Amino acid sequence: MEIEFNSLEELYNRLKPALITKKGEMHRSGYKYIEIEDIWNYLKEIKWKKAKDLSLYEMVSDVLNVDDLLIDDYLKSKLNLRKREIYFKEE
């Protein structure tokens, strides 16, 4: 049986238990500043950007098995971009 989602919000809500689990795992590993939205955004913007026809189990597997360091690097690069944007706006 193929599950289809009508919106990203619907998909997010379906993956939320896995995202919460991954967040807890990352917090235990010392990444206490990572939130479920950070994990979701990394997967959505980087890992799944060009993916087609992913199944729910593949996405859950991606959530649970993504390298913590990749999410950390992604978040830090996003923060650095924001800092640069703010800096150049003030000049």
C-alpha atoms as a PDB file:
ATOM      1  CA  MET A   1       0.000   0.000   0.000  1.00  0.00           C
ATOM      2  CA  GLU A   2       1.446   3.363  -1.073  1.00  0.00           C
ATOM      3  CA  ILE A   3       0.990   6.263   1.344  1.00  0.00           C
ATOM      4  CA  GLU A   4       0.631   9.688  -0.225  1.00  0.00           C
ATOM      5  CA  PHE A   5       0.882  13.053   1.481  1.00  0.00           C
ATOM      6  CA  ASN A   6      -0.946  16.172   0.373  1.00  0.00           C
ATOM      7  CA  SER A   7       1.440  18.637   2.005  1.00  0.00           C
ATOM      8  CA  LEU A   8       4.857  18.960   3.595  1.00  0.00           C
ATOM      9  CA  GLU A   9       3.114  19.604   6.907  1.00  0.00           C
ATOM     10  CA  GLU A  10       1.341  16.250   6.648  1.00  0.00           C
ATOM     11  CA  LEU A  11       4.644  14.497   5.913  1.00  0.00           C
ATOM     12  CA  TYR A  12       6.371  16.367   8.756  1.00  0.00           C
ATOM     13  CA  ASN A  13       3.671  15.271  11.204  1.00  0.00           C
ATOM     14  CA  ARG A  14       3.991  11.667  10.051  1.00  0.00           C
ATOM     15  CA  LEU A  15       7.789  11.768  10.516  1.00  0.00           C
ATOM     16  CA  LYS A  16       7.647  13.664  13.812  1.00  0.00           C
ATOM     17  CA  PRO A  17       8.094  10.593  16.072  1.00  0.00           C
ATOM     18  CA  ALA A  18      11.306   9.691  14.207  1.00  0.00           C
ATOM     19  CA  LEU A  19      12.468  13.327  14.321  1.00  0.00           C
ATOM     20  CA  ILE A  20      11.870  13.436  18.094  1.00  0.00           C
ATOM     21  CA  THR A  21      13.811  10.188  18.506  1.00  0.00           C
ATOM     22  CA  LYS A  22      16.732  11.558  16.466  1.00  0.00           C
ATOM     23  CA  LYS A  23      16.724  14.800  18.461  1.00  0.00           C
ATOM     24  CA  GLY A  24      16.917  12.824  21.724  1.00  0.00           C
ATOM     25  CA  GLU A  25      19.788  10.753  20.353  1.00  0.00           C
ATOM     26  CA  MET A  26      21.637  13.901  19.295  1.00  0.00           C
ATOM     27  CA  HIS A  27      21.076  15.542  22.687  1.00  0.00           C
ATOM     28  CA  ARG A  28      22.569  12.480  24.395  1.00  0.00           C
ATOM     29  CA  SER A  29      25.563  12.798  22.036  1.00  0.00           C
ATOM     30  CA  GLY A  30      26.154  16.405  23.098  1.00  0.00           C
ATOM     31  CA  TYR A  31      24.256  18.291  20.372  1.00  0.00           C
ATOM     32  CA  LYS A  32      21.853  19.871  22.862  1.00  0.00           C
ATOM     33  CA  TYR A  33      21.074  22.864  20.621  1.00  0.00           C
ATOM     34  CA  ILE A  34      19.700  20.771  17.736  1.00  0.00           C
ATOM     35  CA  GLU A  35      15.917  20.914  17.376  1.00  0.00           C
ATOM     36  CA  ILE A  36      13.615  18.685  15.332  1.00  0.00           C
ATOM     37  CA  GLU A  37      13.135  21.513  12.837  1.00  0.00           C
ATOM     38  CA  ASP A  38      16.914  21.546  12.214  1.00  0.00           C
ATOM     39  CA  ILE A  39      16.876  17.828  11.397  1.00  0.00           C
ATOM     40  CA  TRP A  40      13.783  18.222   9.209  1.00  0.00           C
ATOM     41  CA  ASN A  41      15.239  21.215   7.341  1.00  0.00           C
ATOM     42  CA  TYR A  42      18.554  19.444   6.702  1.00  0.00           C
ATOM     43  CA  LEU A  43      16.806  16.409   5.251  1.00  0.00           C
ATOM     44  CA  LYS A  44      14.321  18.457   3.237  1.00  0.00           C
ATOM     45  CA  GLU A  45      16.844  20.977   1.875  1.00  0.00           C
ATOM     46  CA  ILE A  46      19.894  18.751   1.415  1.00  0.00           C
ATOM     47  CA  LYS A  47      19.284  14.990   1.596  1.00  0.00           C
ATOM     48  CA  TRP A  48      15.901  14.827  -0.146  1.00  0.00           C
ATOM     49  CA  LYS A  49      16.204  17.858  -2.417  1.00  0.00           C
ATOM     50  CA  LYS A  50      16.607  15.835  -5.622  1.00  0.00           C
ATOM     51  CA  ALA A  51      15.041  12.594  -4.419  1.00  0.00           C
ATOM     52  CA  LYS A  52      11.996  11.189  -6.169  1.00  0.00           C
ATOM     53  CA  ASP A  53       9.383   8.696  -5.006  1.00  0.00           C
ATOM     54  CA  LEU A  54      10.816   8.107  -1.532  1.00  0.00           C
ATOM     55  CA  SER A  55       8.823   5.695   0.568  1.00  0.00           C
ATOM     56  CA  LEU A  56       7.897   6.465   4.153  1.00  0.00           C
ATOM     57  CA  TYR A  57      10.223   3.767   5.482  1.00  0.00           C
ATOM     58  CA  GLU A  58      13.147   5.237   3.491  1.00  0.00           C
ATOM     59  CA  MET A  59      12.487   8.675   4.975  1.00  0.00           C
ATOM     60  CA  VAL A  60      12.202   7.276   8.509  1.00  0.00           C
ATOM     61  CA  SER A  61      15.473   5.426   7.938  1.00  0.00           C
ATOM     62  CA  ASP A  62      17.095   8.654   6.722  1.00  0.00           C
ATOM     63  CA  VAL A  63      15.894  10.498   9.823  1.00  0.00           C
ATOM     64  CA  LEU A  64      17.192   7.871  12.219  1.00  0.00           C
ATOM     65  CA  ASN A  65      20.482   7.204  10.417  1.00  0.00           C
ATOM     66  CA  VAL A  66      21.620  10.636   9.215  1.00  0.00           C
ATOM     67  CA  ASP A  67      25.085  11.513  10.512  1.00  0.00           C
ATOM     68  CA  ASP A  68      24.843  13.925  13.455  1.00  0.00           C
ATOM     69  CA  LEU A  69      27.854  15.848  12.182  1.00  0.00           C
ATOM     70  CA  LEU A  70      26.134  16.573   8.851  1.00  0.00           C
ATOM     71  CA  ILE A  71      23.187  18.161  10.648  1.00  0.00           C
ATOM     72  CA  ASP A  72      25.534  20.112  12.923  1.00  0.00           C
ATOM     73  CA  ASP A  73      27.569  21.404   9.951  1.00  0.00           C
ATOM     74  CA  TYR A  74      24.373  22.328   8.095  1.00  0.00           C
ATOM     75  CA  LEU A  75      23.029  24.283  11.065  1.00  0.00           C
ATOM     76  CA  LYS A  76      26.327  26.086  11.645  1.00  0.00           C
ATOM     77  CA  SER A  77      26.581  27.069   7.974  1.00  0.00           C
ATOM     78  CA  LYS A  78      23.009  28.440   8.080  1.00  0.00           C
ATOM     79  CA  LEU A  79      23.866  30.478  11.186  1.00  0.00           C
ATOM     80  CA  ASN A  80      27.032  31.828   9.565  1.00  0.00           C
ATOM     81  CA  LEU A  81      25.029  32.878   6.498  1.00  0.00           C
ATOM     82  CA  ARG A  82      22.551  34.744   8.687  1.00  0.00           C
ATOM     83  CA  LYS A  83      25.361  36.500  10.547  1.00  0.00           C
ATOM     84  CA  ARG A  84      26.917  37.607   7.248  1.00  0.00           C
ATOM     85  CA  GLU A  85      23.562  38.858   5.950  1.00  0.00           C
ATOM     86  CA  ILE A  86      23.008  40.882   9.125  1.00  0.00           C
ATOM     87  CA  TYR A  87      26.572  42.244   9.032  1.00  0.00           C
ATOM     88  CA  PHE A  88      26.312  43.438   5.433  1.00  0.00           C
ATOM     89  CA  LYS A  89      22.854  44.948   5.965  1.00  0.00           C
ATOM     90  CA  GLU A  90      24.233  47.115   8.777  1.00  0.00           C
ATOM     91  CA  GLU A  91      26.995  48.609   6.603  1.00  0.00           C
END
